[in-house]
Amino acid sequence: MKFKKAAIKGFNSFIGIGILGLLQMYFKDDLVLLTGAFGATSVLLFAAPESPLAQRKNMYFGHLVSAIVGVTCYKLLFDLSPEFAVATAVGISIFLMTALNILHPPGGATAYIAVYGNSAIHELGYLYVFIPVLIGVFLLDNIQRTQTKLTNEN
């Protein structure tokens, strides 16, 4: 029974990330949808949805706050020192997520990627908050909710 549940959770995560990947392939360079933070979000969302860290409030607002902080640190600090910018982004994101009771560990990666991501990420500026971050989280959340209803798995 454990193996079956694990297989379903792994397959559901595959579908969730796979759909983002298909959309990424379709839009090619016009839309960035895949970020490393979504791998970590998928672990929580598909494998441990009952975890406090996987709750919708934490997921949406943790990524939102971290994306804003990350882009701001990139814009203000990257030219001074990329290392300082990324450390500041992750540190402030953790502080805010904890203080606001919206801790979602993948948010740290969202902030990190905003600073250390490639030029496609940097060119987005604050649009990064919406695409890929909030659009990707919204899609993963709705895919997980649909799959939960279809498979009756938590």
Protein backbone atom coordinates (compact mmCIF):
# COMPACT_ATOMS: atom_id res chain seq x y z
CA MET A 1 0.00 0.00 0.00
CA LYS A 2 2.86 2.40 0.81
CA PHE A 3 4.44 1.70 -2.56
CA LYS A 4 1.16 2.39 -4.37
CA LYS A 5 0.69 5.73 -2.57
CA ALA A 6 4.30 6.70 -3.25
CA ALA A 7 3.90 5.80 -6.93
CA ILE A 8 0.73 7.89 -7.21
CA LYS A 9 2.39 10.88 -5.55
CA GLY A 10 5.44 10.58 -7.79
CA PHE A 11 3.31 10.22 -10.90
CA ASN A 12 1.13 13.19 -9.94
CA SER A 13 4.23 15.34 -9.49
CA PHE A 14 5.49 14.14 -12.88
CA ILE A 15 2.20 15.26 -14.43
CA GLY A 16 2.29 18.64 -12.66
CA ILE A 17 5.85 19.51 -13.67
CA GLY A 18 5.26 17.88 -17.06
CA ILE A 19 2.37 20.22 -17.83
CA LEU A 20 4.55 23.21 -16.99
CA GLY A 21 7.24 21.72 -19.23
CA LEU A 22 4.80 21.28 -22.12
CA LEU A 23 3.67 24.88 -21.76
CA GLN A 24 7.32 25.96 -21.67
CA MET A 25 7.98 24.01 -24.89
CA TYR A 26 4.93 25.54 -26.56
CA PHE A 27 5.81 29.13 -25.67
CA LYS A 28 9.58 28.60 -26.09
CA ASP A 29 11.38 31.88 -25.40
CA ASP A 30 8.21 33.92 -24.97
CA LEU A 31 7.42 32.57 -21.52
CA VAL A 32 9.53 31.26 -18.65
CA LEU A 33 7.54 28.72 -16.63
CA LEU A 34 10.04 26.27 -15.18
CA THR A 35 12.17 27.21 -12.20
CA GLY A 36 14.02 25.04 -9.73
CA ALA A 37 11.79 26.23 -6.90
CA PHE A 38 8.88 24.35 -8.44
CA GLY A 39 10.66 21.04 -7.92
CA ALA A 40 10.74 21.71 -4.19
CA THR A 41 7.17 23.01 -4.19
CA SER A 42 6.10 19.81 -5.93
CA VAL A 43 7.64 17.67 -3.20
CA LEU A 44 5.54 19.46 -0.60
CA LEU A 45 2.41 19.81 -2.70
CA PHE A 46 2.21 16.30 -4.13
CA ALA A 47 3.99 14.21 -1.47
CA ALA A 48 3.13 16.06 1.74
CA PRO A 49 0.03 18.18 1.09
CA GLU A 50 -0.98 17.98 4.75
CA SER A 51 2.26 19.68 5.84
CA PRO A 52 1.81 23.22 7.21
CA LEU A 53 4.55 24.27 4.78
CA ALA A 54 2.46 23.07 1.82
CA GLN A 55 -0.71 25.00 2.65
CA ARG A 56 -2.00 27.37 -0.01
CA LYS A 57 -1.45 30.52 2.06
CA ASN A 58 2.17 29.55 2.66
CA MET A 59 2.73 28.44 -0.91
CA TYR A 60 1.28 31.49 -2.66
CA PHE A 61 2.45 34.18 -0.26
CA GLY A 62 5.82 32.54 0.45
CA HIS A 63 6.64 32.56 -3.25
CA LEU A 64 5.14 36.04 -3.74
CA VAL A 65 7.14 37.68 -0.96
CA SER A 66 10.33 35.86 -1.94
CA ALA A 67 10.00 36.78 -5.61
CA ILE A 68 9.54 40.47 -4.78
CA VAL A 69 12.49 40.41 -2.38
CA GLY A 70 14.66 38.53 -4.88
CA VAL A 71 13.98 40.91 -7.77
CA THR A 72 14.51 43.93 -5.52
CA CYS A 73 17.85 42.57 -4.26
CA TYR A 74 18.91 41.82 -7.83
CA LYS A 75 18.09 45.36 -8.95
CA LEU A 76 19.66 47.09 -5.96
CA LEU A 77 22.59 44.90 -4.98
CA PHE A 78 23.69 42.63 -7.83
CA ASP A 79 26.15 45.11 -9.36
CA LEU A 80 27.66 45.71 -5.94
CA SER A 81 28.12 42.00 -5.21
CA PRO A 82 26.11 39.07 -6.62
CA GLU A 83 26.99 36.99 -3.56
CA PHE A 84 25.80 39.69 -1.17
CA ALA A 85 22.64 40.16 -3.25
CA VAL A 86 21.69 36.48 -3.15
CA ALA A 87 22.49 36.09 0.54
CA THR A 88 20.43 39.18 1.33
CA ALA A 89 17.51 37.99 -0.82
CA VAL A 90 17.34 34.57 0.81
CA GLY A 91 17.86 35.94 4.33
CA ILE A 92 15.19 38.63 4.01
CA SER A 93 12.80 36.16 2.40
CA ILE A 94 13.19 33.72 5.29
CA PHE A 95 12.76 36.54 7.79
CA LEU A 96 9.56 37.80 6.13
CA MET A 97 8.06 34.35 5.56
CA THR A 98 8.69 33.47 9.20
CA ALA A 99 7.47 36.80 10.60
CA LEU A 100 4.32 36.71 8.44
CA ASN A 101 3.67 33.02 9.23
CA ILE A 102 3.83 32.05 5.54
CA LEU A 103 6.94 29.86 5.60
CA HIS A 104 7.31 27.86 2.39
CA PRO A 105 10.92 26.62 2.02
CA PRO A 106 10.89 26.72 -1.82
CA GLY A 107 10.43 30.48 -1.43
CA GLY A 108 14.14 30.64 -0.61
CA ALA A 109 14.87 29.16 -4.02
CA THR A 110 12.48 31.64 -5.63
CA ALA A 111 14.48 34.53 -4.14
CA TYR A 112 17.78 32.85 -5.06
CA ILE A 113 16.70 32.33 -8.68
CA ALA A 114 15.59 35.96 -9.00
CA VAL A 115 19.15 37.00 -8.19
CA TYR A 116 21.25 34.18 -9.70
CA GLY A 117 18.93 33.15 -12.51
CA ASN A 118 19.83 33.49 -16.17
CA SER A 119 19.34 36.57 -18.33
CA ALA A 120 15.79 35.49 -19.26
CA ILE A 121 14.86 35.70 -15.58
CA HIS A 122 16.63 39.03 -15.10
CA GLU A 123 14.97 40.54 -18.17
CA LEU A 124 11.57 39.86 -16.63
CA GLY A 125 12.20 42.24 -13.74
CA TYR A 126 9.15 42.35 -11.49
CA LEU A 127 7.17 40.41 -14.07
CA TYR A 128 9.07 37.41 -12.59
CA VAL A 129 6.68 37.66 -9.63
CA PHE A 130 3.76 36.82 -11.92
CA ILE A 131 5.38 34.76 -14.66
CA PRO A 132 6.77 32.24 -13.81
CA VAL A 133 6.22 32.40 -10.05
CA LEU A 134 2.51 33.00 -9.38
CA ILE A 135 1.31 31.48 -12.66
CA GLY A 136 3.42 28.37 -12.01
CA VAL A 137 2.23 28.06 -8.40
CA PHE A 138 -1.38 28.52 -9.52
CA LEU A 139 -1.03 25.80 -12.16
CA LEU A 140 0.69 23.35 -9.80
CA ASP A 141 -1.90 24.01 -7.10
CA ASN A 142 -4.81 23.40 -9.43
CA ILE A 143 -3.22 20.32 -10.98
CA GLN A 144 -2.69 18.89 -7.48
CA ARG A 145 -6.26 19.69 -6.40
CA THR A 146 -7.67 18.06 -9.54
CA GLN A 147 -5.49 14.97 -9.12
CA THR A 148 -6.48 14.68 -5.46
CA LYS A 149 -10.15 14.64 -6.44
CA LEU A 150 -9.55 12.11 -9.21
CA THR A 151 -7.41 9.72 -7.16
CA ASN A 152 -8.89 10.37 -3.71
CA GLU A 153 -5.33 10.69 -2.42
CA ASN A 154 -4.09 13.26 0.10
